[in-house]
């Protein structure tokens, strides 16, 4: 029996573990994949307070070490559900775990194209976040794959620091808000290739180009770039929690800044919940909020 079980060991989950342990609560962190979450794909972070520059791996390792030093337990297991009763029962593939409160910090996975060598190029020329990695390509030529609001935001930011931005959009039009589309179309250094798919990556140790195919003509071309940004959205993996933590139409857990869900004792923190911005700093803030509210509820006098 734990006071708090945290599902996910990204920045939100590890921060929640640190805060809950400092409040004297017993904590178990369950992670299905690798500690650190999506931040580990960033070779350098230059927008995280306190560090002029730090790799995502190093930041995640520091968070993990701090949580362990404070006495949090960690285990590798894939959570398949939560049962709500007198206690919360977290169901994993390897075991069942009981707690008085549960913090879901399962994150959200950036959508991939599923092309060969894609995972190897992530962090080596292939990125997801212009705010995080755009400065590495200052004055260069980058591609943005996607045409929705997420992509348009990336394009606008990159067009301010890069010599050229080539947009690879699978449709014959952009799908974001018209105001943002107008701003993108007004940028002289932005070229849009409509009805075009990225069908492959080029490069040895780092990405050097994209293999493109026009869906109307079938013509294939190669686009040499210094880097590329996948901006085709994120996909949460929240279905195992949907019975106790209602989801919105996009699959994110409905929770506000308090990180509370409608089910008492169950919280959602970080990229898995509904929120405007998904950054390391906002995930850390969620982790602190979820843990502090969980501790407050656990310490509240019984009614």
Protein backbone atom coordinates (compact mmCIF):
# COMPACT_ATOMS: atom_id res chain seq x y z
CA UNK A 1 0.00 0.00 0.00
CA UNK A 2 1.38 3.37 -1.07
CA UNK A 3 0.09 6.83 -0.29
CA UNK A 4 0.61 7.89 -3.90
CA UNK A 5 1.17 5.92 -7.08
CA UNK A 6 2.39 7.92 -10.09
CA UNK A 7 1.88 6.52 -13.58
CA UNK A 8 4.63 7.83 -15.82
CA UNK A 9 8.21 8.95 -15.16
CA UNK A 10 8.48 12.03 -17.34
CA UNK A 11 9.06 15.50 -15.88
CA UNK A 12 5.50 15.69 -14.50
CA UNK A 13 5.64 12.28 -12.84
CA UNK A 14 9.12 12.71 -11.37
CA UNK A 15 8.28 16.18 -10.05
CA UNK A 16 5.15 14.78 -8.42
CA UNK A 17 7.28 12.08 -6.81
CA UNK A 18 9.72 14.66 -5.43
CA UNK A 19 6.94 16.80 -3.94
CA UNK A 20 5.02 13.86 -2.50
CA UNK A 21 8.12 12.41 -0.86
CA UNK A 22 9.10 15.78 0.59
CA UNK A 23 5.63 15.79 2.16
CA UNK A 24 6.42 12.47 3.79
CA UNK A 25 4.20 10.28 1.63
CA UNK A 26 5.16 6.85 0.36
CA UNK A 27 5.48 6.92 -3.41
CA UNK A 28 5.70 4.42 -6.25
CA UNK A 29 6.45 5.56 -9.80
CA UNK A 30 5.48 3.18 -12.59
CA UNK A 31 7.01 3.60 -16.04
CA UNK A 32 6.37 1.40 -19.06
CA UNK A 33 9.13 2.57 -21.36
CA UNK A 34 12.06 4.75 -20.30
CA UNK A 35 12.53 7.30 -17.55
CA UNK A 36 12.29 10.90 -18.70
CA UNK A 37 9.55 10.70 -21.29
CA UNK A 38 9.57 12.85 -24.44
CA UNK A 39 12.19 15.24 -23.05
CA UNK A 40 14.87 12.61 -23.64
CA UNK A 41 14.47 13.21 -27.40
CA UNK A 42 15.83 16.75 -27.02
CA UNK A 43 19.64 16.84 -27.36
CA UNK A 44 19.68 20.33 -25.84
CA UNK A 45 17.22 22.32 -23.75
CA UNK A 46 17.83 26.05 -23.67
CA UNK A 47 14.50 27.21 -22.26
CA UNK A 48 14.38 25.35 -18.94
CA UNK A 49 14.94 27.73 -16.00
CA UNK A 50 18.22 27.33 -14.16
CA UNK A 51 20.18 25.84 -17.03
CA UNK A 52 21.62 27.84 -19.89
CA UNK A 53 21.75 24.56 -21.75
CA UNK A 54 21.20 20.95 -20.70
CA UNK A 55 20.37 17.77 -22.58
CA UNK A 56 16.96 16.22 -22.09
CA UNK A 57 18.61 13.00 -20.94
CA UNK A 58 20.66 14.77 -18.29
CA UNK A 59 17.68 16.71 -16.97
CA UNK A 60 15.60 13.53 -16.76
CA UNK A 61 18.43 11.69 -15.02
CA UNK A 62 18.78 14.46 -12.44
CA UNK A 63 15.05 14.39 -11.73
CA UNK A 64 15.11 10.60 -11.36
CA UNK A 65 18.12 10.68 -9.05
CA UNK A 66 16.46 13.32 -6.88
CA UNK A 67 13.27 11.29 -6.58
CA UNK A 68 15.24 8.16 -5.69
CA UNK A 69 17.37 10.01 -3.16
CA UNK A 70 14.19 11.17 -1.41
CA UNK A 71 13.04 7.56 -1.13
CA UNK A 72 10.57 7.12 -3.98
CA UNK A 73 10.18 3.58 -5.30
CA UNK A 74 10.28 3.07 -9.07
CA UNK A 75 9.31 0.08 -11.14
CA UNK A 76 8.90 -0.83 -14.80
CA UNK A 77 5.39 -1.93 -15.67
CA UNK A 78 2.71 -1.13 -18.22
CA UNK A 79 -0.48 0.04 -16.54
CA UNK A 80 -3.63 -1.35 -18.13
CA UNK A 81 -6.26 0.11 -15.83
CA UNK A 82 -7.29 1.55 -12.47
CA UNK A 83 -9.97 0.22 -10.14
CA UNK A 84 -11.73 2.58 -7.74
CA UNK A 85 -12.78 1.27 -4.34
CA UNK A 86 -11.86 1.92 -0.75
CA UNK A 87 -8.34 2.19 -2.18
CA UNK A 88 -7.15 2.76 -5.73
CA UNK A 89 -5.89 -0.39 -7.41
CA UNK A 90 -3.49 0.20 -10.29
CA UNK A 91 -3.45 -2.79 -12.61
CA UNK A 92 -0.17 -3.50 -14.37
CA UNK A 93 0.90 -6.24 -16.71
CA UNK A 94 3.26 -7.55 -14.02
CA UNK A 95 1.36 -6.89 -10.79
CA UNK A 96 -1.43 -5.04 -9.02
CA UNK A 97 -0.60 -2.06 -6.82
CA UNK A 98 -2.67 -0.26 -4.17
CA UNK A 99 -2.59 3.39 -3.19
CA UNK A 100 -4.65 6.07 -1.48
CA UNK A 101 -4.19 8.43 -4.44
CA UNK A 102 -3.08 8.08 -8.06
CA UNK A 103 -1.44 10.68 -10.28
CA UNK A 104 -1.68 9.91 -13.99
CA UNK A 105 1.33 11.44 -15.75
CA UNK A 106 1.36 9.21 -18.81
CA UNK A 107 2.38 11.97 -21.22
CA UNK A 108 1.51 12.18 -24.88
CA UNK A 109 3.45 10.70 -27.74
CA UNK A 110 4.38 12.82 -30.74
CA UNK A 111 2.86 11.29 -33.83
CA UNK A 112 5.35 9.69 -36.19
CA UNK A 113 5.23 8.93 -39.88
CA UNK A 114 6.39 5.37 -39.25
CA UNK A 115 9.20 5.54 -41.82
CA UNK A 116 12.42 3.50 -41.73
CA UNK A 117 15.16 4.89 -39.46
CA UNK A 118 12.78 7.49 -38.06
CA UNK A 119 13.58 6.80 -34.40
CA UNK A 120 17.33 6.97 -35.11
CA UNK A 121 16.99 10.45 -36.63
CA UNK A 122 14.96 11.87 -33.71
CA UNK A 123 17.40 14.18 -31.95
CA UNK A 124 19.76 13.92 -34.91
CA UNK A 125 18.15 16.36 -37.30
CA UNK A 126 14.54 15.32 -36.75
CA UNK A 127 12.68 17.24 -34.05
CA UNK A 128 9.19 17.89 -32.73
CA UNK A 129 9.54 21.28 -31.02
CA UNK A 130 10.72 24.51 -32.65
CA UNK A 131 10.77 26.29 -29.28
CA UNK A 132 13.14 23.62 -27.97
CA UNK A 133 15.34 22.95 -30.99
CA UNK A 134 14.78 25.71 -33.55
CA UNK A 135 17.83 27.75 -32.51
CA UNK A 136 20.11 24.92 -33.64
CA UNK A 137 19.14 25.67 -37.24
CA UNK A 138 19.46 29.44 -37.14
CA UNK A 139 20.22 30.71 -40.64
CA UNK A 140 19.66 27.28 -42.16
CA UNK A 141 17.04 25.49 -44.23
CA UNK A 142 14.48 23.42 -42.36
CA UNK A 143 11.34 21.53 -43.30
CA UNK A 144 8.10 21.37 -41.35
CA UNK A 145 5.90 18.35 -41.99
CA UNK A 146 2.25 19.18 -41.35
CA UNK A 147 -0.31 21.87 -42.07
CA UNK A 148 -2.51 22.25 -38.98
CA UNK A 149 -2.29 24.75 -36.14
CA UNK A 150 0.66 22.98 -34.53
CA UNK A 151 2.62 23.11 -37.76
CA UNK A 152 1.67 26.74 -38.42
CA UNK A 153 3.02 27.77 -35.03
CA UNK A 154 6.27 25.97 -35.75
CA UNK A 155 6.52 27.55 -39.21
CA UNK A 156 6.05 31.08 -37.88
CA UNK A 157 8.71 30.65 -35.22
CA UNK A 158 11.22 28.97 -37.54
CA UNK A 159 10.69 31.52 -40.30
CA UNK A 160 12.01 34.21 -37.94
CA UNK A 161 15.35 32.48 -37.37
CA UNK A 162 15.92 30.28 -40.41
CA UNK A 163 16.90 31.34 -43.92
CA UNK A 164 14.22 29.12 -45.45
CA UNK A 165 11.35 26.97 -44.26
CA UNK A 166 9.81 24.39 -46.59
CA UNK A 167 6.40 23.12 -45.55
CA UNK A 168 5.45 19.57 -46.55
CA UNK A 169 1.65 19.28 -46.48
CA UNK A 170 -0.16 16.14 -47.57
CA UNK A 171 -3.34 18.04 -48.51
CA UNK A 172 -3.92 20.68 -51.19
CA UNK A 173 -4.52 23.30 -48.50
CA UNK A 174 -3.49 24.20 -44.95
CA UNK A 175 -5.91 23.15 -42.23
CA UNK A 176 -5.20 25.55 -39.37
CA UNK A 177 -6.87 28.80 -38.37
CA UNK A 178 -7.18 31.28 -41.22
CA UNK A 179 -5.45 34.08 -39.31
CA UNK A 180 -2.38 31.89 -38.82
CA UNK A 181 -2.51 30.69 -42.44
CA UNK A 182 -2.49 34.31 -43.62
CA UNK A 183 0.57 35.05 -41.49
CA UNK A 184 2.41 32.02 -42.86
CA UNK A 185 1.57 32.87 -46.47
CA UNK A 186 2.92 36.38 -45.92
CA UNK A 187 6.38 35.08 -44.98
CA UNK A 188 8.72 35.45 -47.97
CA UNK A 189 11.07 32.70 -46.80
CA UNK A 190 8.34 30.05 -46.49
CA UNK A 191 7.70 27.65 -49.37
CA UNK A 192 4.71 25.31 -49.20
CA UNK A 193 4.63 22.03 -51.08
CA UNK A 194 1.00 21.01 -51.18
CA UNK A 195 -0.27 17.48 -51.91
CA UNK A 196 3.11 16.13 -50.89
CA UNK A 197 4.07 13.25 -48.65
CA UNK A 198 7.35 12.60 -46.90
CA UNK A 199 8.10 8.98 -47.80
CA UNK A 200 11.65 8.60 -46.53
CA UNK A 201 14.64 10.11 -44.78
CA UNK A 202 18.20 10.58 -46.02
CA UNK A 203 21.44 10.80 -44.09
CA UNK A 204 24.02 8.67 -42.34
CA UNK A 205 24.33 9.58 -38.66
CA UNK A 206 22.20 12.73 -39.01
CA UNK A 207 19.30 13.77 -41.20
CA UNK A 208 20.34 15.50 -44.42
CA UNK A 209 17.24 15.30 -46.57
CA UNK A 210 13.67 14.19 -47.12
CA UNK A 211 12.29 11.96 -49.86
CA UNK A 212 9.04 13.49 -51.09
CA UNK A 213 6.23 12.25 -53.33
CA UNK A 214 3.56 14.42 -54.92
CA UNK A 215 0.19 12.73 -54.45
CA UNK A 216 -1.30 14.26 -57.61
CA UNK A 217 1.51 13.55 -60.09
CA UNK A 218 3.34 10.72 -58.35
CA UNK A 219 6.64 12.53 -58.94
CA UNK A 220 9.35 11.86 -56.35
CA UNK A 221 11.98 14.38 -55.32
CA UNK A 222 14.65 14.81 -52.69
CA UNK A 223 14.73 17.91 -50.50
CA UNK A 224 18.07 18.71 -48.85
CA UNK A 225 17.58 20.23 -45.40
CA UNK A 226 19.59 21.00 -42.29
CA UNK A 227 16.77 19.71 -40.12
CA UNK A 228 13.10 18.77 -40.13
CA UNK A 229 10.23 19.15 -37.68
CA UNK A 230 7.38 16.66 -37.41
CA UNK A 231 4.28 18.71 -36.59
CA UNK A 232 1.44 16.28 -37.09
CA UNK A 233 0.16 16.42 -33.53
CA UNK A 234 0.42 14.27 -30.44
CA UNK A 235 -1.51 11.25 -29.34
CA UNK A 236 -2.19 10.52 -25.67
CA UNK A 237 -2.43 6.98 -24.41
CA UNK A 238 -5.19 7.49 -21.89
CA UNK A 239 -7.73 4.81 -22.80
CA UNK A 240 -6.81 2.61 -19.78
CA UNK A 241 -7.90 5.47 -17.50
CA UNK A 242 -11.03 6.66 -19.33
CA UNK A 243 -13.53 5.04 -16.92
CA UNK A 244 -12.30 7.12 -13.98
CA UNK A 245 -10.69 10.08 -15.75
CA UNK A 246 -13.00 11.33 -18.55
CA UNK A 247 -11.33 12.22 -21.84
CA UNK A 248 -12.02 14.99 -24.32
CA UNK A 249 -12.62 14.34 -28.02
CA UNK A 250 -8.86 14.22 -28.65
CA UNK A 251 -8.24 11.67 -25.91
CA UNK A 252 -6.75 13.99 -23.28
CA UNK A 253 -7.84 13.73 -19.65
CA UNK A 254 -10.17 16.53 -18.62
CA UNK A 255 -8.40 18.26 -15.73
CA UNK A 256 -7.78 21.90 -14.88
CA UNK A 257 -4.80 23.60 -13.23
CA UNK A 258 -5.57 21.79 -9.97
CA UNK A 259 -4.93 18.54 -11.89
CA UNK A 260 -8.01 16.98 -10.28
CA UNK A 261 -10.22 14.61 -12.25
CA UNK A 262 -13.91 14.05 -11.39
CA UNK A 263 -12.89 10.92 -9.45
CA UNK A 264 -11.67 11.82 -5.95
CA UNK A 265 -8.10 10.71 -5.39
CA UNK A 266 -7.19 10.55 -9.08
CA UNK A 267 -5.17 13.35 -10.65
CA UNK A 268 -3.77 14.02 -14.12
CA UNK A 269 -0.53 15.93 -14.70
CA UNK A 270 1.57 16.90 -17.68
CA UNK A 271 1.01 16.31 -21.37
CA UNK A 272 -1.73 13.72 -20.83
CA UNK A 273 -4.23 16.34 -19.61
CA UNK A 274 -6.10 19.12 -21.37
CA UNK A 275 -3.90 22.21 -21.46
CA UNK A 276 -2.79 25.03 -23.72
CA UNK A 277 0.98 24.41 -23.71
CA UNK A 278 2.96 21.21 -23.53
CA UNK A 279 6.46 22.13 -22.42
CA UNK A 280 8.83 20.70 -19.82
CA UNK A 281 8.24 23.73 -17.59
CA UNK A 282 4.45 23.29 -17.68
CA UNK A 283 4.77 19.55 -17.02
CA UNK A 284 6.89 20.25 -13.95
CA UNK A 285 4.31 22.76 -12.74
CA UNK A 286 1.57 20.15 -13.15
CA UNK A 287 3.58 17.58 -11.23
CA UNK A 288 3.96 19.95 -8.29
CA UNK A 289 0.27 20.93 -8.36
CA UNK A 290 -0.97 17.35 -8.57
CA UNK A 291 1.25 16.19 -5.72
CA UNK A 292 0.41 19.13 -3.44
CA UNK A 293 -3.31 18.66 -4.01
CA UNK A 294 -3.05 14.91 -3.49
CA UNK A 295 -1.18 15.45 -0.23
CA UNK A 296 -3.74 18.05 0.90
CA UNK A 297 -6.58 15.62 0.24
CA UNK A 298 -4.79 12.76 2.00
CA UNK A 299 -4.13 14.92 5.05
CA UNK A 300 -7.63 16.35 5.22
CA UNK A 301 -9.65 15.25 8.27
CA UNK A 302 -12.10 12.46 7.56
CA UNK A 303 -15.64 13.73 7.05
